[in-house]
């Protein structure tokens, strides 16, 4: 049971935003309706996520990163949501499982996942050697900052779900891989 319930009677600006989400997704995920207690935060998160979707990382790469981060942060809501989303991007079940184990089947995706997990686990304090390894595997400075942006957005949703204990409204997946 959620500790902070989704907003039930949102003010006009939040209601408009949630209606747009419902129009796009066919539903309003509980996470968005919960964040909707603050129109400022909901709109900031959605704008940041939209901007990140227009970067160089593919939808599949963004999902691999989201899965790896959700696993590190043990966010069952995000693991459930991103497992479904990743499948919709065409990622096979074994790729989803590998991402949750911080693994990928090509050097670039592996470098992206490793960078993301290292950023989370080391709170952004990476060594020059870690950055050099990322660079050697195709992750340039632009991609490093895109990964940092994704890490930031995903940590926000992971922590929001932990804080609120958001009810999972996606096919639920186990925290264990």
Protein backbone atom coordinates (compact mmCIF):
# COMPACT_ATOMS: atom_id res chain seq x y z
CA UNK A 1 0.00 0.00 0.00
CA UNK A 2 1.31 3.40 -0.95
CA UNK A 3 2.44 5.72 1.83
CA UNK A 4 1.77 8.70 -0.43
CA UNK A 5 -1.27 8.05 -2.57
CA UNK A 6 -1.56 9.33 -6.14
CA UNK A 7 -3.20 12.73 -6.33
CA UNK A 8 -6.96 12.12 -6.44
CA UNK A 9 -8.29 15.58 -7.31
CA UNK A 10 -5.43 17.33 -9.11
CA UNK A 11 -5.48 21.07 -9.68
CA UNK A 12 -6.01 22.27 -13.26
CA UNK A 13 -2.40 22.29 -14.46
CA UNK A 14 -1.70 18.83 -13.02
CA UNK A 15 -5.01 17.50 -14.35
CA UNK A 16 -4.07 18.76 -17.82
CA UNK A 17 -0.63 17.14 -17.63
CA UNK A 18 -2.04 13.83 -16.37
CA UNK A 19 -4.69 13.88 -19.12
CA UNK A 20 -1.93 14.32 -21.71
CA UNK A 21 -0.06 11.37 -20.20
CA UNK A 22 -3.23 9.26 -20.33
CA UNK A 23 -3.78 10.24 -23.95
CA UNK A 24 -0.21 9.21 -24.84
CA UNK A 25 0.07 6.02 -22.75
CA UNK A 26 -3.54 4.95 -22.37
CA UNK A 27 -3.17 5.21 -18.58
CA UNK A 28 -1.66 7.42 -15.92
CA UNK A 29 1.04 5.43 -14.16
CA UNK A 30 0.83 5.70 -10.38
CA UNK A 31 4.32 7.20 -10.31
CA UNK A 32 3.22 10.22 -12.34
CA UNK A 33 0.00 10.65 -10.37
CA UNK A 34 2.01 10.51 -7.16
CA UNK A 35 4.62 13.00 -8.33
CA UNK A 36 1.61 15.10 -9.39
CA UNK A 37 1.32 16.34 -5.81
CA UNK A 38 3.86 18.90 -7.05
CA UNK A 39 3.11 20.34 -10.47
CA UNK A 40 6.56 21.92 -10.45
CA UNK A 41 8.33 18.59 -9.95
CA UNK A 42 6.06 16.66 -12.32
CA UNK A 43 6.57 19.18 -15.12
CA UNK A 44 10.32 19.39 -14.49
CA UNK A 45 10.67 15.60 -14.53
CA UNK A 46 8.62 15.24 -17.73
CA UNK A 47 10.56 18.03 -19.47
CA UNK A 48 13.88 16.51 -18.44
CA UNK A 49 12.79 13.04 -19.60
CA UNK A 50 11.55 14.45 -22.90
CA UNK A 51 14.86 16.24 -23.49
CA UNK A 52 16.80 13.06 -22.70
CA UNK A 53 14.70 11.11 -25.22
CA UNK A 54 16.03 13.38 -27.97
CA UNK A 55 19.70 12.68 -27.33
CA UNK A 56 22.05 10.25 -29.05
CA UNK A 57 21.16 7.25 -26.92
CA UNK A 58 18.60 4.96 -28.51
CA UNK A 59 15.39 3.98 -26.75
CA UNK A 60 16.88 0.52 -26.22
CA UNK A 61 20.05 1.94 -24.67
CA UNK A 62 18.00 4.20 -22.38
CA UNK A 63 16.01 1.18 -21.22
CA UNK A 64 19.14 -0.91 -20.62
CA UNK A 65 20.44 1.88 -18.40
CA UNK A 66 17.11 2.33 -16.60
CA UNK A 67 16.94 -1.40 -15.86
CA UNK A 68 20.50 -1.51 -14.54
CA UNK A 69 19.92 1.51 -12.28
CA UNK A 70 16.58 0.23 -11.00
CA UNK A 71 18.26 -3.07 -10.13
CA UNK A 72 21.11 -1.35 -8.27
CA UNK A 73 18.58 0.79 -6.39
CA UNK A 74 16.21 -2.15 -5.84
CA UNK A 75 13.20 -0.26 -7.20
CA UNK A 76 10.57 -2.86 -7.97
CA UNK A 77 8.19 -0.30 -9.48
CA UNK A 78 10.81 0.88 -11.99
CA UNK A 79 11.99 -2.66 -12.72
CA UNK A 80 8.40 -3.61 -13.51
CA UNK A 81 7.74 -0.53 -15.63
CA UNK A 82 11.03 -0.66 -17.53
CA UNK A 83 10.78 -4.40 -18.15
CA UNK A 84 7.51 -3.74 -19.98
CA UNK A 85 8.85 -0.65 -21.77
CA UNK A 86 12.07 -2.44 -22.76
CA UNK A 87 10.07 -5.27 -24.28
CA UNK A 88 8.10 -2.70 -26.26
CA UNK A 89 11.35 -1.30 -27.69
CA UNK A 90 12.18 -4.75 -29.03
CA UNK A 91 14.63 -5.85 -26.36
CA UNK A 92 14.54 -9.61 -25.87
CA UNK A 93 13.95 -11.10 -22.42
CA UNK A 94 17.56 -12.22 -22.17
CA UNK A 95 18.78 -8.67 -22.89
CA UNK A 96 16.49 -7.35 -20.15
CA UNK A 97 17.85 -9.92 -17.71
CA UNK A 98 21.43 -9.11 -18.71
CA UNK A 99 20.85 -5.38 -18.21
CA UNK A 100 19.57 -6.05 -14.71
CA UNK A 101 22.86 -7.90 -14.11
CA UNK A 102 24.78 -4.89 -15.53
CA UNK A 103 25.72 -6.82 -18.66
CA UNK A 104 25.24 -6.23 -22.38
CA UNK A 105 26.17 -8.12 -25.53
CA UNK A 106 28.16 -5.36 -27.24
CA UNK A 107 31.01 -3.13 -26.11
CA UNK A 108 29.18 0.21 -26.39
CA UNK A 109 26.09 -0.92 -24.48
CA UNK A 110 28.30 -2.57 -21.86
CA UNK A 111 30.29 0.65 -21.45
CA UNK A 112 27.07 2.67 -21.07
CA UNK A 113 25.66 0.30 -18.45
CA UNK A 114 28.96 0.11 -16.57
CA UNK A 115 29.22 3.90 -16.55
CA UNK A 116 25.65 4.25 -15.25
CA UNK A 117 26.08 1.66 -12.50
CA UNK A 118 29.45 3.14 -11.48
CA UNK A 119 27.91 6.61 -11.28
CA UNK A 120 25.21 5.29 -8.94
CA UNK A 121 27.44 3.10 -6.79
CA UNK A 122 30.25 5.66 -6.54
CA UNK A 123 27.96 8.70 -6.26
CA UNK A 124 29.52 10.28 -9.34
CA UNK A 125 33.10 9.91 -8.08
CA UNK A 126 34.58 8.09 -11.07
CA UNK A 127 38.28 7.67 -11.69
CA UNK A 128 40.10 8.88 -14.78
CA UNK A 129 40.68 5.22 -15.62
CA UNK A 130 36.91 4.51 -15.58
CA UNK A 131 36.30 7.44 -17.94
CA UNK A 132 39.16 6.33 -20.19
CA UNK A 133 37.64 2.83 -20.43
CA UNK A 134 34.26 4.35 -21.33
CA UNK A 135 35.95 6.54 -23.99
CA UNK A 136 37.83 3.54 -25.43
CA UNK A 137 34.48 1.78 -25.88
CA UNK A 138 32.79 4.62 -27.74
CA UNK A 139 31.40 6.72 -24.91
CA UNK A 140 32.49 10.29 -25.64
CA UNK A 141 31.94 13.31 -23.39
CA UNK A 142 28.50 14.00 -24.87
CA UNK A 143 27.33 10.47 -24.09
CA UNK A 144 28.89 10.60 -20.62
CA UNK A 145 26.64 13.54 -19.79
CA UNK A 146 23.59 11.89 -21.39
CA UNK A 147 24.20 8.84 -19.19
CA UNK A 148 24.56 11.13 -16.17
CA UNK A 149 21.24 12.75 -17.08
CA UNK A 150 19.55 9.34 -17.32
CA UNK A 151 21.09 8.26 -14.04
CA UNK A 152 19.76 11.42 -12.41
CA UNK A 153 16.24 10.99 -13.81
CA UNK A 154 16.14 7.31 -12.87
CA UNK A 155 17.47 7.86 -9.36
CA UNK A 156 14.70 10.44 -8.92
CA UNK A 157 11.98 7.95 -9.90
CA UNK A 158 13.60 5.13 -7.91
CA UNK A 159 13.72 7.29 -4.79
CA UNK A 160 10.24 8.71 -5.36
CA UNK A 161 8.90 5.16 -5.47
CA UNK A 162 10.83 4.17 -2.36
CA UNK A 163 9.57 7.26 -0.54
CA UNK A 164 5.94 6.87 -1.57
CA UNK A 165 5.95 3.06 -1.74
CA UNK A 166 4.09 3.50 -5.01
CA UNK A 167 1.64 0.74 -5.87
CA UNK A 168 2.94 -1.11 -8.95
CA UNK A 169 0.55 -0.77 -11.87
CA UNK A 170 2.61 -2.74 -14.41
CA UNK A 171 3.15 -6.50 -14.64
CA UNK A 172 5.21 -7.02 -11.50
CA UNK A 173 8.71 -8.44 -11.71
CA UNK A 174 10.82 -9.81 -8.89
CA UNK A 175 13.67 -7.82 -7.40
CA UNK A 176 15.89 -10.87 -7.83
CA UNK A 177 17.27 -11.61 -11.27
